[in-house]
Amino acid sequence: MVQSDRWLHLPSSDELPCSDDTPVDNEDQNFIPNFLLFLLEFIWANRNDWFFGVDMGIYHTTGVSPLVPVVPDGFLSLGVARRKDGESRKSYVVWEEDGVVPVLMLEVVSLTPGGEYDTKMTIYAKLGVLYYAIYNPQYWRREQHQPFEIYRLVDGTYELQIGEPYWMPEVGLGIGRSRYTSGAVEREVLYWYNEQGRRYLTPEEQLARYRQRFGELPE
């Protein structure tokens, strides 16, 4: 791996904590990003040039200290290995990823305000994250924002985008809200979409459609 001189004396991922150990205070903060990761494992099953992290520390050199991570609820990086050197990442260390920063950050707003609309937005803009999505289904009135917003970095500043699902050409995916049913439980979640605005189906939905058309799967 090629590293620039400015990164030679920075700590390795083995020396850094994997997260900030801050507990979440609602189920969506874990479920939503993990659901997106689960879908991406099927959508991009044949690709090895992406990584989606959930509640993982991102170490970078654009903040107050390279030892202080930012920990989004979820993030997507392109042009990096799904498994670094064949192993799972403990954290995402930008100087060990050839300087590749995430292309998309996701925050799920909780009961306790976490600076999603100010502090984290400033950090992500300075880091150079192209897209920043904020999902706020419960507390959007409190924040005086919409339940789902996506921002694009333009000349160093985030600009709110219009349209849902929102297509991200640099990513090759769209993102937006829809319903998800598991057993007797129905909830709103975030999904990935294609360029035509069609939602990617879950494996269960694909299986159900196959059975509707062709009957049971062959033995």
Protein backbone atom coordinates (compact mmCIF):
# COMPACT_ATOMS: atom_id res chain seq x y z
CA MET A 1 0.00 0.00 0.00
CA VAL A 2 1.35 3.44 -0.95
CA GLN A 3 1.22 6.07 1.80
CA SER A 4 2.15 9.74 1.59
CA ASP A 5 4.70 11.22 3.99
CA ARG A 6 1.96 13.01 5.96
CA TRP A 7 0.55 9.62 7.02
CA LEU A 8 3.78 7.77 7.87
CA HIS A 9 3.66 8.46 11.61
CA LEU A 10 -0.06 8.02 12.18
CA PRO A 11 -1.32 5.06 14.25
CA SER A 12 -2.56 1.88 12.61
CA SER A 13 -6.07 0.48 12.85
CA ASP A 14 -4.79 -2.08 15.38
CA GLU A 15 -3.90 0.77 17.73
CA LEU A 16 -7.20 2.66 17.44
CA PRO A 17 -10.58 1.99 19.13
CA CYS A 18 -13.21 0.65 16.74
CA SER A 19 -15.95 3.10 17.86
CA ASP A 20 -16.78 5.68 20.51
CA ASP A 21 -18.82 3.13 22.54
CA THR A 22 -21.80 5.51 22.66
CA PRO A 23 -25.00 3.43 23.01
CA VAL A 24 -27.87 4.06 20.61
CA ASP A 25 -31.23 5.08 22.05
CA ASN A 26 -33.56 3.71 19.40
CA GLU A 27 -33.79 0.55 17.31
CA ASP A 28 -33.69 2.37 13.96
CA GLN A 29 -30.11 3.51 14.49
CA ASN A 30 -29.00 -0.12 14.20
CA PHE A 31 -31.71 -1.59 11.98
CA ILE A 32 -31.73 0.96 9.15
CA PRO A 33 -28.00 0.91 8.26
CA ASN A 34 -27.79 -2.86 8.73
CA PHE A 35 -30.79 -3.30 6.44
CA LEU A 36 -29.06 -1.20 3.75
CA LEU A 37 -25.91 -3.28 4.17
CA PHE A 38 -27.93 -6.50 3.90
CA LEU A 39 -29.48 -5.33 0.62
CA LEU A 40 -26.16 -4.17 -0.78
CA GLU A 41 -24.67 -7.61 -0.17
CA PHE A 42 -27.16 -8.91 -2.76
CA ILE A 43 -27.22 -5.94 -5.16
CA TRP A 44 -23.42 -5.81 -5.44
CA ALA A 45 -22.71 -9.46 -4.68
CA ASN A 46 -20.24 -9.73 -7.57
CA ARG A 47 -18.34 -6.55 -6.74
CA ASN A 48 -15.36 -6.31 -4.43
CA ASP A 49 -14.71 -2.56 -4.61
CA TRP A 50 -16.98 -1.24 -1.86
CA PHE A 51 -17.39 -1.19 1.89
CA PHE A 52 -20.42 -0.31 3.99
CA GLY A 53 -19.73 0.34 7.66
CA VAL A 54 -22.27 0.40 10.50
CA ASP A 55 -21.57 2.31 13.72
CA MET A 56 -17.85 2.18 12.94
CA GLY A 57 -15.23 4.78 13.79
CA ILE A 58 -13.77 6.69 10.85
CA TYR A 59 -10.31 8.07 11.53
CA HIS A 60 -9.18 10.97 9.38
CA THR A 61 -6.79 13.91 9.38
CA THR A 62 -9.26 16.77 8.80
CA GLY A 63 -10.58 17.01 12.37
CA VAL A 64 -9.20 18.21 15.70
CA SER A 65 -7.00 15.10 15.97
CA PRO A 66 -6.42 11.93 13.91
CA LEU A 67 -7.02 10.02 17.16
CA VAL A 68 -10.61 11.28 17.41
CA PRO A 69 -12.98 9.39 15.07
CA VAL A 70 -16.30 10.38 13.68
CA VAL A 71 -18.86 7.58 14.05
CA PRO A 72 -21.84 7.78 11.66
CA ASP A 73 -24.70 5.31 11.88
CA GLY A 74 -23.71 4.07 8.42
CA PHE A 75 -21.36 4.94 5.57
CA LEU A 76 -20.44 3.74 2.10
CA SER A 77 -16.98 3.86 0.52
CA LEU A 78 -16.18 3.01 -3.09
CA GLY A 79 -12.88 1.91 -4.55
CA VAL A 80 -11.79 0.00 -1.46
CA ALA A 81 -11.80 -3.72 -0.68
CA ARG A 82 -14.87 -5.24 0.96
CA ARG A 83 -12.52 -7.09 3.30
CA LYS A 84 -9.20 -5.40 3.92
CA ASP A 85 -6.32 -7.83 3.39
CA GLY A 86 -8.86 -10.65 3.65
CA GLU A 87 -9.94 -9.66 7.16
CA SER A 88 -12.72 -7.63 8.78
CA ARG A 89 -12.00 -3.99 9.58
CA LYS A 90 -11.90 -2.90 13.20
CA SER A 91 -12.41 0.69 12.08
CA TYR A 92 -12.15 2.72 8.88
CA VAL A 93 -8.79 4.47 8.82
CA VAL A 94 -8.55 6.86 5.89
CA TRP A 95 -4.74 6.84 5.76
CA GLU A 96 -4.83 3.03 5.44
CA GLU A 97 -7.40 3.22 2.62
CA ASP A 98 -5.17 5.22 0.24
CA GLY A 99 -6.96 8.38 1.32
CA VAL A 100 -10.39 7.21 0.15
CA VAL A 101 -13.12 8.93 2.19
CA PRO A 102 -16.71 7.64 2.26
CA VAL A 103 -18.92 8.82 -0.59
CA LEU A 104 -22.07 8.62 1.56
CA MET A 105 -22.73 9.16 5.25
CA LEU A 106 -25.99 8.19 6.96
CA GLU A 107 -27.30 9.47 10.27
CA VAL A 108 -30.51 8.28 11.94
CA VAL A 109 -31.76 10.95 14.36
CA SER A 110 -32.62 9.75 17.85
CA LEU A 111 -34.29 11.07 20.98
CA THR A 112 -31.00 12.61 22.05
CA PRO A 113 -29.94 15.23 19.46
CA GLY A 114 -26.54 14.33 18.02
CA GLY A 115 -25.61 17.35 15.95
CA GLU A 116 -26.82 15.76 12.72
CA TYR A 117 -27.82 19.10 11.18
CA ASP A 118 -24.83 21.16 12.30
CA THR A 119 -21.76 19.62 13.96
CA LYS A 120 -21.65 16.38 11.97
CA MET A 121 -22.59 18.18 8.79
CA THR A 122 -19.56 20.44 9.23
CA ILE A 123 -17.26 17.48 9.95
CA TYR A 124 -18.45 15.52 6.90
CA ALA A 125 -18.16 18.55 4.62
CA LYS A 126 -14.59 19.18 5.75
CA LEU A 127 -13.78 15.51 5.25
CA GLY A 128 -15.12 15.76 1.69
CA VAL A 129 -18.03 13.30 1.88
CA LEU A 130 -20.05 13.82 -1.30
CA TYR A 131 -23.49 12.76 0.00
CA TYR A 132 -24.97 13.08 3.47
CA ALA A 133 -28.35 11.46 4.25
CA ILE A 134 -30.32 12.20 7.42
CA TYR A 135 -33.22 9.92 8.33
CA ASN A 136 -35.47 11.42 10.99
CA PRO A 137 -38.89 9.71 11.02
CA GLN A 138 -39.78 10.51 14.63
CA TYR A 139 -38.22 13.83 15.58
CA TRP A 140 -38.26 15.84 12.35
CA ARG A 141 -40.75 18.38 13.69
CA ARG A 142 -38.50 18.99 16.69
CA GLU A 143 -35.59 19.66 14.35
CA GLN A 144 -37.72 21.69 11.91
CA HIS A 145 -36.58 19.49 9.05
CA GLN A 146 -38.11 16.82 6.83
CA PRO A 147 -38.25 13.10 7.80
CA PHE A 148 -35.69 12.26 5.13
CA GLU A 149 -33.16 14.65 3.66
CA ILE A 150 -30.14 14.12 1.45
CA TYR A 151 -27.44 16.69 0.89
CA ARG A 152 -24.78 16.97 -1.80
CA LEU A 153 -21.43 18.65 -1.27
CA VAL A 154 -21.10 21.63 -3.63
CA ASP A 155 -18.00 23.84 -3.36
CA GLY A 156 -17.41 22.68 0.20
CA THR A 157 -20.98 23.26 1.40
CA TYR A 158 -23.88 20.84 1.67
CA GLU A 159 -26.93 21.70 -0.42
CA LEU A 160 -30.29 20.03 0.21
CA GLN A 161 -31.40 17.95 -2.77
CA ILE A 162 -34.91 17.53 -4.16
CA GLY A 163 -36.67 14.32 -5.11
CA GLU A 164 -37.16 10.89 -3.60
CA PRO A 165 -35.87 8.38 -4.26
CA TYR A 166 -32.76 10.43 -4.92
CA TRP A 167 -30.39 9.14 -7.58
CA MET A 168 -26.64 9.40 -6.86
CA PRO A 169 -24.83 8.94 -10.21
CA GLU A 170 -21.38 8.76 -8.63
CA VAL A 171 -22.58 5.87 -6.49
CA GLY A 172 -24.77 4.15 -9.06
CA LEU A 173 -27.64 3.90 -6.59
CA GLY A 174 -30.65 5.83 -5.45
CA ILE A 175 -31.88 6.00 -1.87
CA GLY A 176 -35.33 6.60 -0.42
CA ARG A 177 -38.06 5.38 1.92
CA SER A 178 -40.53 2.52 1.58
CA ARG A 179 -42.32 -0.07 3.74
CA TYR A 180 -40.79 -3.32 4.93
CA THR A 181 -42.71 -6.26 6.38
CA SER A 182 -41.16 -8.99 8.48
CA GLY A 183 -43.69 -11.49 9.76
CA ALA A 184 -46.47 -9.48 11.34
CA VAL A 185 -44.31 -6.36 11.77
CA GLU A 186 -44.41 -3.55 9.22
CA ARG A 187 -42.15 -0.52 9.35
CA GLU A 188 -40.70 2.23 7.22
CA VAL A 189 -37.08 1.77 6.19
CA LEU A 190 -34.57 3.10 3.69
CA TYR A 191 -34.02 1.18 0.46
CA TRP A 192 -31.67 1.34 -2.49
CA TYR A 193 -33.17 2.19 -5.90
CA ASN A 194 -32.04 1.89 -9.52
CA GLU A 195 -31.71 4.79 -11.97
CA GLN A 196 -35.31 4.35 -13.13
CA GLY A 197 -36.54 4.88 -9.57
CA ARG A 198 -37.46 1.23 -9.00
CA ARG A 199 -36.80 -0.14 -5.57
CA TYR A 200 -34.41 -3.08 -5.24
CA LEU A 201 -36.27 -6.07 -3.83
CA THR A 202 -35.23 -8.01 -0.78
CA PRO A 203 -34.27 -11.67 -1.32
CA GLU A 204 -37.61 -12.65 0.27
CA GLU A 205 -39.50 -10.51 -2.22
CA GLN A 206 -37.54 -11.95 -5.12
CA LEU A 207 -38.32 -15.47 -3.94
CA ALA A 208 -42.03 -14.67 -3.56
CA ARG A 209 -42.18 -13.26 -7.10
CA TYR A 210 -40.43 -16.32 -8.47
CA ARG A 211 -42.96 -18.60 -6.77
CA GLN A 212 -45.85 -16.52 -8.12
CA ARG A 213 -44.54 -16.97 -11.65
CA PHE A 214 -43.08 -20.45 -11.63
CA GLY A 215 -44.28 -22.22 -8.49
CA GLU A 216 -41.98 -23.85 -5.97
CA LEU A 217 -38.24 -23.85 -6.46
CA PRO A 218 -36.81 -27.01 -8.04
CA GLU A 219 -35.29 -29.62 -5.72
